[in-house]
Amino acid sequence: MAIHDDAPKKQVSHEMGQDLSQLSVEEIAARIDLLNTEIQRLQSSMNLKRATRDAADRFFKS
């Protein structure tokens, strides 16, 4: 049976507390990348919300 390079790849996901013993080093690295990307997304959202709140606080203190 031939392996198709164009076959859809399983999407990487991670569940907090998941058993990692069955994962390869490459799979763990992929999950770390996924989680780092999500952390950056969350930090960006938090920073935007803080900036919006700070701007509103400055406006209403005037």
N, C-alpha and C. Protein backbone atom coordinates (compact mmCIF):
# COMPACT_ATOMS: atom_id res chain seq x y z
N MET A 1 0.84 -1.18 0.00
CA MET A 1 0.00 0.00 0.00
C MET A 1 0.89 1.25 0.00
N ALA A 2 0.58 2.18 -0.85
CA ALA A 2 1.38 3.41 -0.99
C ALA A 2 0.94 4.43 0.05
N ILE A 3 1.89 5.19 0.54
CA ILE A 3 1.61 6.28 1.47
C ILE A 3 1.46 7.55 0.65
N HIS A 4 0.36 8.23 0.85
CA HIS A 4 0.08 9.46 0.11
C HIS A 4 0.55 10.67 0.90
N ASP A 5 1.44 11.45 0.28
CA ASP A 5 1.93 12.65 0.92
C ASP A 5 0.86 13.73 1.02
N ASP A 6 -0.14 13.66 0.14
CA ASP A 6 -1.18 14.68 0.15
C ASP A 6 -2.36 14.30 1.05
N ALA A 7 -2.24 13.22 1.78
CA ALA A 7 -3.29 12.82 2.71
C ALA A 7 -3.37 13.85 3.84
N PRO A 8 -4.59 14.15 4.28
CA PRO A 8 -4.72 15.14 5.36
C PRO A 8 -4.00 14.66 6.61
N LYS A 9 -3.30 15.59 7.24
CA LYS A 9 -2.58 15.26 8.47
C LYS A 9 -3.51 15.46 9.66
N LYS A 10 -3.32 14.65 10.68
CA LYS A 10 -4.10 14.78 11.89
C LYS A 10 -3.76 16.11 12.54
N GLN A 11 -4.79 16.88 12.88
CA GLN A 11 -4.58 18.19 13.49
C GLN A 11 -4.04 18.00 14.91
N VAL A 12 -3.03 18.78 15.22
CA VAL A 12 -2.42 18.72 16.54
C VAL A 12 -3.34 19.44 17.52
N SER A 13 -3.61 18.79 18.62
CA SER A 13 -4.36 19.42 19.70
C SER A 13 -3.80 18.91 21.01
N HIS A 14 -4.14 19.59 22.06
CA HIS A 14 -3.64 19.17 23.36
C HIS A 14 -4.71 19.38 24.41
N GLU A 15 -4.80 18.42 25.30
CA GLU A 15 -5.71 18.52 26.43
C GLU A 15 -4.88 18.65 27.69
N MET A 16 -5.19 19.63 28.50
CA MET A 16 -4.45 19.85 29.74
C MET A 16 -4.48 18.59 30.59
N GLY A 17 -3.33 18.18 31.11
CA GLY A 17 -3.23 17.01 31.96
C GLY A 17 -3.18 15.69 31.22
N GLN A 18 -3.14 15.76 29.91
CA GLN A 18 -3.14 14.56 29.07
C GLN A 18 -1.90 13.70 29.32
N ASP A 19 -2.05 12.38 29.25
CA ASP A 19 -0.93 11.45 29.39
C ASP A 19 0.01 11.65 28.19
N LEU A 20 1.26 11.93 28.46
CA LEU A 20 2.24 12.20 27.40
C LEU A 20 3.13 11.00 27.11
N SER A 21 2.96 9.93 27.84
CA SER A 21 3.87 8.80 27.72
C SER A 21 3.83 8.12 26.35
N GLN A 22 2.75 8.25 25.63
CA GLN A 22 2.63 7.59 24.32
C GLN A 22 3.03 8.50 23.15
N LEU A 23 3.42 9.73 23.45
CA LEU A 23 3.76 10.69 22.40
C LEU A 23 5.25 10.62 22.08
N SER A 24 5.56 10.84 20.81
CA SER A 24 6.97 10.91 20.40
C SER A 24 7.53 12.28 20.75
N VAL A 25 8.84 12.41 20.66
CA VAL A 25 9.49 13.70 20.90
C VAL A 25 8.96 14.73 19.92
N GLU A 26 8.76 14.34 18.67
CA GLU A 26 8.25 15.27 17.65
C GLU A 26 6.83 15.72 17.98
N GLU A 27 6.01 14.79 18.46
CA GLU A 27 4.64 15.16 18.83
C GLU A 27 4.63 16.10 20.02
N ILE A 28 5.50 15.87 20.99
CA ILE A 28 5.58 16.76 22.14
C ILE A 28 6.06 18.15 21.69
N ALA A 29 7.04 18.19 20.81
CA ALA A 29 7.53 19.48 20.29
C ALA A 29 6.42 20.23 19.56
N ALA A 30 5.60 19.51 18.80
CA ALA A 30 4.49 20.14 18.08
C ALA A 30 3.48 20.72 19.06
N ARG A 31 3.24 20.03 20.14
CA ARG A 31 2.31 20.53 21.15
C ARG A 31 2.87 21.74 21.88
N ILE A 32 4.16 21.74 22.14
CA ILE A 32 4.80 22.90 22.75
C ILE A 32 4.65 24.11 21.84
N ASP A 33 4.89 23.92 20.54
CA ASP A 33 4.71 25.02 19.58
C ASP A 33 3.27 25.52 19.59
N LEU A 34 2.33 24.59 19.60
CA LEU A 34 0.91 24.93 19.62
C LEU A 34 0.58 25.76 20.87
N LEU A 35 1.06 25.30 22.02
CA LEU A 35 0.78 26.00 23.27
C LEU A 35 1.47 27.36 23.34
N ASN A 36 2.70 27.45 22.83
CA ASN A 36 3.39 28.75 22.80
C ASN A 36 2.64 29.75 21.92
N THR A 37 2.13 29.28 20.80
CA THR A 37 1.34 30.14 19.91
C THR A 37 0.08 30.62 20.62
N GLU A 38 -0.56 29.71 21.35
CA GLU A 38 -1.77 30.09 22.08
C GLU A 38 -1.45 31.06 23.21
N ILE A 39 -0.35 30.87 23.89
CA ILE A 39 0.07 31.80 24.94
C ILE A 39 0.28 33.19 24.36
N GLN A 40 0.94 33.28 23.21
CA GLN A 40 1.15 34.58 22.57
C GLN A 40 -0.17 35.23 22.20
N ARG A 41 -1.10 34.43 21.70
CA ARG A 41 -2.43 34.95 21.33
C ARG A 41 -3.16 35.49 22.56
N LEU A 42 -3.09 34.76 23.65
CA LEU A 42 -3.74 35.19 24.88
C LEU A 42 -3.10 36.45 25.44
N GLN A 43 -1.77 36.52 25.40
CA GLN A 43 -1.07 37.72 25.90
C GLN A 43 -1.41 38.93 25.05
N SER A 44 -1.51 38.76 23.75
CA SER A 44 -1.88 39.89 22.87
C SER A 44 -3.28 40.38 23.19
N SER A 45 -4.20 39.46 23.40
CA SER A 45 -5.57 39.84 23.74
C SER A 45 -5.62 40.57 25.08
N MET A 46 -4.88 40.06 26.05
CA MET A 46 -4.84 40.69 27.36
C MET A 46 -4.26 42.09 27.27
N ASN A 47 -3.18 42.26 26.52
CA ASN A 47 -2.56 43.57 26.36
C ASN A 47 -3.51 44.56 25.70
N LEU A 48 -4.24 44.11 24.69
CA LEU A 48 -5.20 44.98 24.02
C LEU A 48 -6.31 45.40 24.98
N LYS A 49 -6.81 44.46 25.75
CA LYS A 49 -7.87 44.79 26.71
C LYS A 49 -7.36 45.75 27.78
N ARG A 50 -6.15 45.56 28.25
CA ARG A 50 -5.57 46.48 29.24
C ARG A 50 -5.42 47.88 28.66
N ALA A 51 -4.95 47.96 27.42
CA ALA A 51 -4.77 49.26 26.78
C ALA A 51 -6.12 49.96 26.62
N THR A 52 -7.14 49.21 26.25
CA THR A 52 -8.48 49.78 26.10
C THR A 52 -9.00 50.27 27.44
N ARG A 53 -8.83 49.47 28.48
CA ARG A 53 -9.28 49.86 29.82
C ARG A 53 -8.52 51.08 30.32
N ASP A 54 -7.21 51.10 30.10
CA ASP A 54 -6.39 52.24 30.54
C ASP A 54 -6.82 53.52 29.81
N ALA A 55 -7.12 53.42 28.52
CA ALA A 55 -7.55 54.59 27.75
C ALA A 55 -8.90 55.08 28.29
N ALA A 56 -9.80 54.15 28.60
CA ALA A 56 -11.09 54.56 29.15
C ALA A 56 -10.93 55.19 30.52
N ASP A 57 -10.06 54.63 31.34
CA ASP A 57 -9.80 55.22 32.67
C ASP A 57 -9.27 56.63 32.55
N ARG A 58 -8.33 56.84 31.62
CA ARG A 58 -7.77 58.19 31.43
C ARG A 58 -8.85 59.16 30.94
N PHE A 59 -9.72 58.70 30.05
CA PHE A 59 -10.76 59.55 29.50
C PHE A 59 -11.74 59.97 30.58
N PHE A 60 -12.16 59.03 31.41
CA PHE A 60 -13.19 59.34 32.40
C PHE A 60 -12.63 60.01 33.65
N LYS A 61 -11.32 60.02 33.83
CA LYS A 61 -10.72 60.74 34.95
C LYS A 61 -10.59 62.22 34.64
N SER A 62 -10.65 62.56 33.38
CA SER A 62 -10.49 63.96 32.97
C SER A 62 -11.67 64.81 33.38
